[in-house]
Amino acid sequence: MGIDEAEFRQVLGHFASGVTVVTMQAHGQLHGLTVSAFASLSLDPPLILVCIDRHYPSHEFLQQAGTFAVNILREDGERLSRHFASRVEDKFAGVAYHQGVTGAPLLDEALATLECKHTTTLPGGDHSIFIGEVIATATHEGNPLLYYRSGYGKQF
């Protein structure tokens, strides 16, 4: 017994969530992508997880990077979300960022950031589950960007 992929996507679209951009540096190159599958995992030790499609170029870079950052977007971050979800080669062209303590790029317009040491990768169907130990955080004033039923918003 199985379900149709389109139906599954439609049902998952009913879950409102924040929007994140995962960023990393590997072999002197910066990489980033918009990630909807992000969750806290543990408070002690502080762990988070992100799930990334195995076919995305950033998947390999995250495997090699050793560290990464999760940038939680502000309510005015739709442009950043779409930019990092696009196929543009240089994701950081025209994007304001600075390097964190891990060397991962942190988006200046993020509502909050979590810098992580990559600890574990687990298989998850067509995705990999990357677990990171949080080693640095930052928060800024503002409200989160939300995503619901294939649309962005402040409140639904």
N, C-alpha and C. Protein backbone atom coordinates (compact mmCIF):
# COMPACT_ATOMS: atom_id res chain seq x y z
N MET A 1 0.84 -1.17 0.00
CA MET A 1 0.00 0.00 0.00
C MET A 1 0.89 1.24 0.00
N GLY A 2 0.68 2.12 -0.95
CA GLY A 2 1.48 3.33 -1.04
C GLY A 2 0.61 4.53 -1.34
N ILE A 3 1.22 5.68 -1.22
CA ILE A 3 0.49 6.90 -1.55
C ILE A 3 1.19 7.61 -2.69
N ASP A 4 0.45 8.40 -3.40
CA ASP A 4 0.94 9.17 -4.53
C ASP A 4 1.84 10.30 -4.02
N GLU A 5 2.97 10.55 -4.71
CA GLU A 5 3.90 11.59 -4.29
C GLU A 5 3.24 12.97 -4.27
N ALA A 6 2.43 13.27 -5.27
CA ALA A 6 1.74 14.57 -5.31
C ALA A 6 0.80 14.73 -4.12
N GLU A 7 0.09 13.66 -3.78
CA GLU A 7 -0.82 13.70 -2.63
C GLU A 7 -0.02 13.92 -1.34
N PHE A 8 1.10 13.23 -1.22
CA PHE A 8 1.94 13.36 -0.04
C PHE A 8 2.44 14.80 0.11
N ARG A 9 2.92 15.39 -0.98
CA ARG A 9 3.38 16.78 -0.95
C ARG A 9 2.24 17.72 -0.54
N GLN A 10 1.04 17.47 -1.09
CA GLN A 10 -0.11 18.32 -0.79
C GLN A 10 -0.46 18.26 0.69
N VAL A 11 -0.44 17.08 1.26
CA VAL A 11 -0.74 16.93 2.69
C VAL A 11 0.33 17.62 3.53
N LEU A 12 1.60 17.42 3.20
CA LEU A 12 2.67 18.06 3.96
C LEU A 12 2.61 19.58 3.86
N GLY A 13 2.06 20.10 2.77
CA GLY A 13 1.90 21.54 2.60
C GLY A 13 0.98 22.17 3.63
N HIS A 14 0.20 21.36 4.32
CA HIS A 14 -0.69 21.86 5.36
C HIS A 14 0.03 22.10 6.69
N PHE A 15 1.31 21.78 6.73
CA PHE A 15 2.11 22.03 7.93
C PHE A 15 2.82 23.36 7.75
N ALA A 16 2.45 24.36 8.52
CA ALA A 16 3.12 25.67 8.46
C ALA A 16 4.47 25.56 9.16
N SER A 17 5.48 26.15 8.56
CA SER A 17 6.81 26.08 9.16
C SER A 17 7.58 27.36 8.90
N GLY A 18 8.66 27.51 9.64
CA GLY A 18 9.60 28.58 9.36
C GLY A 18 10.41 28.21 8.13
N VAL A 19 11.23 29.13 7.69
CA VAL A 19 12.05 28.92 6.49
C VAL A 19 13.51 29.08 6.87
N THR A 20 14.34 28.13 6.45
CA THR A 20 15.77 28.19 6.75
C THR A 20 16.60 28.11 5.49
N VAL A 21 17.79 28.67 5.58
CA VAL A 21 18.82 28.51 4.55
C VAL A 21 20.02 27.89 5.26
N VAL A 22 20.46 26.73 4.76
CA VAL A 22 21.63 26.06 5.31
C VAL A 22 22.83 26.49 4.48
N THR A 23 23.88 26.95 5.17
CA THR A 23 25.08 27.44 4.49
C THR A 23 26.30 26.70 5.01
N MET A 24 27.30 26.63 4.15
CA MET A 24 28.53 25.93 4.50
C MET A 24 29.67 26.41 3.63
N GLN A 25 30.88 26.06 4.04
CA GLN A 25 32.07 26.32 3.24
C GLN A 25 32.84 25.02 3.14
N ALA A 26 33.17 24.63 1.92
CA ALA A 26 33.96 23.42 1.71
C ALA A 26 34.96 23.68 0.59
N HIS A 27 36.19 23.31 0.82
CA HIS A 27 37.25 23.47 -0.18
C HIS A 27 37.35 24.92 -0.67
N GLY A 28 37.15 25.87 0.24
CA GLY A 28 37.24 27.28 -0.11
C GLY A 28 36.05 27.83 -0.87
N GLN A 29 35.02 27.03 -1.07
CA GLN A 29 33.83 27.48 -1.79
C GLN A 29 32.65 27.58 -0.83
N LEU A 30 31.82 28.61 -1.04
CA LEU A 30 30.61 28.79 -0.24
C LEU A 30 29.44 28.13 -0.93
N HIS A 31 28.58 27.52 -0.14
CA HIS A 31 27.39 26.85 -0.66
C HIS A 31 26.22 27.13 0.27
N GLY A 32 25.03 27.10 -0.29
CA GLY A 32 23.84 27.29 0.52
C GLY A 32 22.61 26.84 -0.22
N LEU A 33 21.59 26.47 0.54
CA LEU A 33 20.32 26.06 -0.05
C LEU A 33 19.20 26.27 0.94
N THR A 34 18.02 26.53 0.40
CA THR A 34 16.83 26.66 1.23
C THR A 34 16.41 25.26 1.67
N VAL A 35 16.14 25.11 2.96
CA VAL A 35 15.79 23.80 3.52
C VAL A 35 14.51 23.93 4.33
N SER A 36 13.53 23.12 3.99
CA SER A 36 12.28 23.13 4.76
C SER A 36 12.30 22.08 5.87
N ALA A 37 13.11 21.04 5.69
CA ALA A 37 13.16 19.96 6.68
C ALA A 37 14.26 20.25 7.70
N PHE A 38 13.90 20.99 8.74
CA PHE A 38 14.80 21.37 9.82
C PHE A 38 14.07 21.15 11.14
N ALA A 39 14.77 20.65 12.14
CA ALA A 39 14.13 20.44 13.45
C ALA A 39 15.18 20.42 14.55
N SER A 40 14.75 20.81 15.75
CA SER A 40 15.61 20.60 16.91
C SER A 40 15.53 19.12 17.25
N LEU A 41 16.60 18.58 17.80
CA LEU A 41 16.67 17.16 18.09
C LEU A 41 16.90 16.89 19.57
N SER A 42 17.79 17.67 20.20
CA SER A 42 18.15 17.42 21.60
C SER A 42 18.60 18.73 22.24
N LEU A 43 18.30 18.86 23.54
CA LEU A 43 18.80 20.01 24.29
C LEU A 43 20.15 19.71 24.95
N ASP A 44 20.40 18.45 25.31
CA ASP A 44 21.63 18.08 25.98
C ASP A 44 22.15 16.76 25.43
N PRO A 45 23.10 16.81 24.50
CA PRO A 45 23.74 17.99 23.95
C PRO A 45 22.82 18.72 22.97
N PRO A 46 23.12 19.98 22.67
CA PRO A 46 22.26 20.72 21.73
C PRO A 46 22.47 20.21 20.30
N LEU A 47 21.44 19.55 19.77
CA LEU A 47 21.52 18.96 18.43
C LEU A 47 20.34 19.41 17.58
N ILE A 48 20.61 19.59 16.29
CA ILE A 48 19.55 19.87 15.32
C ILE A 48 19.71 18.89 14.16
N LEU A 49 18.69 18.84 13.31
CA LEU A 49 18.83 18.03 12.10
C LEU A 49 18.27 18.78 10.91
N VAL A 50 18.88 18.54 9.76
CA VAL A 50 18.38 19.03 8.48
C VAL A 50 18.38 17.86 7.52
N CYS A 51 17.42 17.84 6.63
CA CYS A 51 17.31 16.78 5.64
C CYS A 51 17.50 17.38 4.26
N ILE A 52 18.42 16.79 3.49
CA ILE A 52 18.77 17.34 2.18
C ILE A 52 18.70 16.23 1.13
N ASP A 53 18.09 16.54 0.01
CA ASP A 53 17.97 15.62 -1.12
C ASP A 53 19.37 15.17 -1.54
N ARG A 54 19.55 13.88 -1.69
CA ARG A 54 20.85 13.32 -2.04
C ARG A 54 21.34 13.77 -3.41
N HIS A 55 20.45 14.26 -4.26
CA HIS A 55 20.83 14.66 -5.61
C HIS A 55 21.22 16.13 -5.72
N TYR A 56 21.06 16.91 -4.65
CA TYR A 56 21.43 18.32 -4.68
C TYR A 56 22.94 18.46 -4.57
N PRO A 57 23.55 19.38 -5.32
CA PRO A 57 25.00 19.57 -5.22
C PRO A 57 25.47 19.89 -3.80
N SER A 58 24.68 20.63 -3.04
CA SER A 58 25.10 20.99 -1.68
C SER A 58 25.18 19.79 -0.76
N HIS A 59 24.53 18.69 -1.12
CA HIS A 59 24.59 17.47 -0.30
C HIS A 59 26.03 17.03 -0.13
N GLU A 60 26.77 16.92 -1.23
CA GLU A 60 28.17 16.48 -1.17
C GLU A 60 29.02 17.48 -0.39
N PHE A 61 28.78 18.76 -0.62
CA PHE A 61 29.56 19.78 0.08
C PHE A 61 29.33 19.72 1.59
N LEU A 62 28.10 19.47 1.99
CA LEU A 62 27.82 19.36 3.43
C LEU A 62 28.51 18.13 4.01
N GLN A 63 28.55 17.04 3.25
CA GLN A 63 29.26 15.84 3.71
C GLN A 63 30.73 16.17 4.00
N GLN A 64 31.31 17.02 3.16
CA GLN A 64 32.74 17.31 3.24
C GLN A 64 33.07 18.49 4.16
N ALA A 65 32.10 19.37 4.41
CA ALA A 65 32.38 20.63 5.10
C ALA A 65 32.79 20.45 6.56
N GLY A 66 32.17 19.53 7.26
CA GLY A 66 32.47 19.37 8.69
C GLY A 66 31.67 20.30 9.58
N THR A 67 31.34 21.49 9.08
CA THR A 67 30.50 22.43 9.82
C THR A 67 29.48 23.04 8.87
N PHE A 68 28.42 23.57 9.43
CA PHE A 68 27.40 24.26 8.63
C PHE A 68 26.62 25.19 9.54
N ALA A 69 25.83 26.05 8.93
CA ALA A 69 24.99 26.97 9.69
C ALA A 69 23.56 26.88 9.19
N VAL A 70 22.63 27.02 10.12
CA VAL A 70 21.21 27.13 9.78
C VAL A 70 20.83 28.58 10.03
N ASN A 71 20.35 29.24 8.98
CA ASN A 71 19.92 30.63 9.04
C ASN A 71 18.40 30.65 9.01
N ILE A 72 17.77 31.07 10.09
CA ILE A 72 16.31 31.16 10.16
C ILE A 72 15.92 32.53 9.62
N LEU A 73 15.07 32.54 8.59
CA LEU A 73 14.78 33.78 7.88
C LEU A 73 13.72 34.64 8.56
N ARG A 74 13.91 35.96 8.42
CA ARG A 74 12.93 36.95 8.89
C ARG A 74 11.76 37.02 7.93
N GLU A 75 10.70 37.67 8.39
CA GLU A 75 9.48 37.78 7.59
C GLU A 75 9.69 38.47 6.25
N ASP A 76 10.76 39.25 6.10
CA ASP A 76 11.06 39.88 4.81
C ASP A 76 12.09 39.08 4.01
N GLY A 77 12.27 37.80 4.35
CA GLY A 77 13.30 36.98 3.74
C GLY A 77 12.87 36.13 2.56
N GLU A 78 11.70 36.39 1.99
CA GLU A 78 11.24 35.57 0.86
C GLU A 78 12.23 35.61 -0.30
N ARG A 79 12.79 36.78 -0.58
CA ARG A 79 13.77 36.90 -1.68
C ARG A 79 14.96 35.97 -1.43
N LEU A 80 15.47 35.94 -0.20
CA LEU A 80 16.59 35.05 0.12
C LEU A 80 16.20 33.59 -0.03
N SER A 81 15.01 33.24 0.43
CA SER A 81 14.55 31.86 0.33
C SER A 81 14.50 31.42 -1.13
N ARG A 82 13.91 32.25 -1.97
CA ARG A 82 13.80 31.92 -3.40
C ARG A 82 15.17 31.88 -4.06
N HIS A 83 16.04 32.81 -3.68
CA HIS A 83 17.39 32.86 -4.26
C HIS A 83 18.16 31.57 -3.95
N PHE A 84 18.14 31.15 -2.69
CA PHE A 84 18.90 29.95 -2.31
C PHE A 84 18.21 28.66 -2.76
N ALA A 85 16.95 28.75 -3.17
CA ALA A 85 16.25 27.59 -3.73
C ALA A 85 16.46 27.50 -5.24
N SER A 86 17.02 28.54 -5.85
CA SER A 86 17.19 28.58 -7.30
C SER A 86 18.44 27.79 -7.71
N ARG A 87 18.62 27.69 -9.01
CA ARG A 87 19.78 26.97 -9.56
C ARG A 87 20.94 27.90 -9.90
N VAL A 88 20.88 29.15 -9.46
CA VAL A 88 21.96 30.09 -9.73
C VAL A 88 23.26 29.52 -9.15
N GLU A 89 24.36 29.68 -9.91
CA GLU A 89 25.63 29.07 -9.49
C GLU A 89 26.23 29.72 -8.25
N ASP A 90 26.39 31.05 -8.28
CA ASP A 90 26.98 31.74 -7.14
C ASP A 90 25.86 32.23 -6.23
N LYS A 91 25.51 31.42 -5.26
CA LYS A 91 24.40 31.73 -4.36
C LYS A 91 24.69 32.95 -3.49
N PHE A 92 25.95 33.33 -3.34
CA PHE A 92 26.29 34.42 -2.43
C PHE A 92 26.52 35.75 -3.14
N ALA A 93 26.40 35.78 -4.46
CA ALA A 93 26.53 37.04 -5.20
C ALA A 93 25.39 37.97 -4.81
N GLY A 94 25.73 39.14 -4.31
CA GLY A 94 24.72 40.11 -3.93
C GLY A 94 24.04 39.84 -2.60
N VAL A 95 24.53 38.86 -1.85
CA VAL A 95 23.94 38.50 -0.56
C VAL A 95 24.89 38.96 0.56
N ALA A 96 24.36 39.70 1.51
CA ALA A 96 25.18 40.17 2.64
C ALA A 96 25.34 39.04 3.65
N TYR A 97 26.60 38.74 3.98
CA TYR A 97 26.88 37.67 4.94
C TYR A 97 28.21 37.96 5.62
N HIS A 98 28.46 37.24 6.69
CA HIS A 98 29.75 37.28 7.37
C HIS A 98 30.07 35.86 7.82
N GLN A 99 31.34 35.60 8.09
CA GLN A 99 31.73 34.26 8.54
C GLN A 99 31.52 34.13 10.03
N GLY A 100 30.99 32.97 10.41
CA GLY A 100 30.82 32.67 11.82
C GLY A 100 32.07 32.01 12.38
N VAL A 101 32.00 31.59 13.63
CA VAL A 101 33.14 30.97 14.29
C VAL A 101 33.53 29.65 13.63
N THR A 102 32.59 29.00 12.95
CA THR A 102 32.87 27.73 12.27
C THR A 102 33.44 27.94 10.87
N GLY A 103 33.41 29.17 10.38
CA GLY A 103 33.81 29.44 9.00
C GLY A 103 32.64 29.41 8.05
N ALA A 104 31.49 28.94 8.51
CA ALA A 104 30.29 28.91 7.67
C ALA A 104 29.77 30.33 7.49
N PRO A 105 29.26 30.65 6.30
CA PRO A 105 28.68 31.97 6.10
C PRO A 105 27.36 32.13 6.84
N LEU A 106 27.19 33.28 7.50
CA LEU A 106 25.95 33.60 8.21
C LEU A 106 25.28 34.76 7.49
N LEU A 107 24.02 34.60 7.15
CA LEU A 107 23.31 35.63 6.41
C LEU A 107 23.01 36.81 7.32
N ASP A 108 23.40 38.01 6.90
CA ASP A 108 23.19 39.21 7.71
C ASP A 108 21.71 39.48 7.97
N GLU A 109 20.83 39.05 7.07
CA GLU A 109 19.40 39.30 7.20
C GLU A 109 18.66 38.20 7.95
N ALA A 110 19.38 37.25 8.53
CA ALA A 110 18.71 36.14 9.24
C ALA A 110 18.13 36.62 10.57
N LEU A 111 17.02 36.02 10.95
CA LEU A 111 16.40 36.27 12.25
C LEU A 111 17.22 35.62 13.36
N ALA A 112 17.75 34.44 13.07
CA ALA A 112 18.58 33.71 14.03
C ALA A 112 19.51 32.78 13.25
N THR A 113 20.63 32.42 13.87
CA THR A 113 21.56 31.48 13.25
C THR A 113 22.00 30.44 14.27
N LEU A 114 22.25 29.25 13.77
CA LEU A 114 22.81 28.16 14.57
C LEU A 114 24.02 27.62 13.80
N GLU A 115 25.19 27.71 14.41
CA GLU A 115 26.38 27.15 13.79
C GLU A 115 26.61 25.76 14.36
N CYS A 116 26.88 24.82 13.48
CA CYS A 116 26.90 23.41 13.89
C CYS A 116 28.14 22.69 13.42
N LYS A 117 28.55 21.72 14.22
CA LYS A 117 29.55 20.74 13.82
C LYS A 117 28.78 19.52 13.34
N HIS A 118 29.03 19.11 12.10
CA HIS A 118 28.36 17.95 11.53
C HIS A 118 28.83 16.69 12.27
N THR A 119 27.90 15.98 12.89
CA THR A 119 28.28 14.80 13.68
C THR A 119 27.88 13.48 13.05
N THR A 120 26.74 13.44 12.38
CA THR A 120 26.20 12.17 11.88
C THR A 120 25.40 12.41 10.61
N THR A 121 25.47 11.45 9.70
CA THR A 121 24.59 11.44 8.53
C THR A 121 23.88 10.10 8.50
N LEU A 122 22.56 10.15 8.36
CA LEU A 122 21.74 8.94 8.30
C LEU A 122 20.97 8.91 6.99
N PRO A 123 20.70 7.71 6.46
CA PRO A 123 19.87 7.64 5.25
C PRO A 123 18.42 7.94 5.59
N GLY A 124 17.73 8.57 4.66
CA GLY A 124 16.32 8.88 4.84
C GLY A 124 15.61 8.90 3.50
N GLY A 125 15.48 7.74 2.85
CA GLY A 125 14.84 7.68 1.54
C GLY A 125 15.68 8.41 0.51
N ASP A 126 15.06 9.36 -0.20
CA ASP A 126 15.79 10.12 -1.21
C ASP A 126 16.57 11.29 -0.60
N HIS A 127 16.55 11.42 0.71
CA HIS A 127 17.27 12.46 1.43
C HIS A 127 18.29 11.83 2.37
N SER A 128 19.20 12.66 2.86
CA SER A 128 20.07 12.29 3.97
C SER A 128 19.71 13.19 5.15
N ILE A 129 19.80 12.62 6.33
CA ILE A 129 19.52 13.35 7.57
C ILE A 129 20.87 13.74 8.16
N PHE A 130 21.14 15.03 8.18
CA PHE A 130 22.39 15.54 8.74
C PHE A 130 22.13 16.03 10.15
N ILE A 131 22.86 15.49 11.10
CA ILE A 131 22.73 15.90 12.49
C ILE A 131 23.92 16.79 12.82
N GLY A 132 23.63 17.92 13.46
CA GLY A 132 24.68 18.84 13.83
C GLY A 132 24.61 19.20 15.29
N GLU A 133 25.78 19.26 15.92
CA GLU A 133 25.87 19.75 17.30
C GLU A 133 26.02 21.26 17.24
N VAL A 134 25.14 21.97 17.90
CA VAL A 134 25.14 23.43 17.87
C VAL A 134 26.26 23.94 18.76
N ILE A 135 27.15 24.76 18.16
CA ILE A 135 28.28 25.27 18.93
C ILE A 135 28.26 26.79 19.07
N ALA A 136 27.39 27.47 18.31
CA ALA A 136 27.25 28.92 18.45
C ALA A 136 25.87 29.32 17.92
N THR A 137 25.28 30.34 18.54
CA THR A 137 23.97 30.83 18.12
C THR A 137 23.96 32.36 18.15
N ALA A 138 23.00 32.92 17.43
CA ALA A 138 22.75 34.36 17.48
C ALA A 138 21.29 34.59 17.15
N THR A 139 20.70 35.60 17.78
CA THR A 139 19.32 35.98 17.48
C THR A 139 19.27 37.49 17.24
N HIS A 140 18.29 37.89 16.45
CA HIS A 140 18.10 39.30 16.11
C HIS A 140 16.62 39.62 16.22
N GLU A 141 16.30 40.89 16.31
CA GLU A 141 14.91 41.32 16.42
C GLU A 141 14.16 41.06 15.12
N GLY A 142 12.89 40.75 15.26
CA GLY A 142 12.05 40.57 14.08
C GLY A 142 11.10 39.41 14.25
N ASN A 143 10.39 39.11 13.18
CA ASN A 143 9.44 38.00 13.15
C ASN A 143 9.85 37.03 12.05
N PRO A 144 9.44 35.76 12.17
CA PRO A 144 9.87 34.75 11.21
C PRO A 144 9.09 34.80 9.90
N LEU A 145 9.76 34.36 8.84
CA LEU A 145 9.10 34.09 7.57
C LEU A 145 8.44 32.72 7.70
N LEU A 146 7.20 32.61 7.28
CA LEU A 146 6.47 31.35 7.35
C LEU A 146 6.20 30.81 5.96
N TYR A 147 6.05 29.50 5.87
CA TYR A 147 5.74 28.84 4.61
C TYR A 147 4.57 27.90 4.85
N TYR A 148 3.53 28.04 4.02
CA TYR A 148 2.32 27.24 4.21
C TYR A 148 1.61 27.07 2.87
N ARG A 149 1.31 25.84 2.53
CA ARG A 149 0.59 25.51 1.29
C ARG A 149 1.21 26.20 0.07
N SER A 150 2.51 26.04 -0.05
CA SER A 150 3.30 26.55 -1.18
C SER A 150 3.36 28.06 -1.26
N GLY A 151 3.13 28.75 -0.15
CA GLY A 151 3.20 30.20 -0.16
C GLY A 151 3.91 30.75 1.06
N TYR A 152 4.46 31.94 0.91
CA TYR A 152 5.15 32.62 1.99
C TYR A 152 4.20 33.60 2.67
N GLY A 153 4.46 33.87 3.94
CA GLY A 153 3.65 34.85 4.63
C GLY A 153 4.18 35.16 6.01
N LYS A 154 3.54 36.13 6.63
CA LYS A 154 3.86 36.51 8.00
C LYS A 154 2.92 35.78 8.95
N GLN A 155 1.65 35.75 8.57
CA GLN A 155 0.63 35.05 9.33
C GLN A 155 -0.36 34.47 8.33
N PHE A 156 -0.94 33.37 8.68
CA PHE A 156 -1.95 32.77 7.81
C PHE A 156 -3.26 32.69 8.55
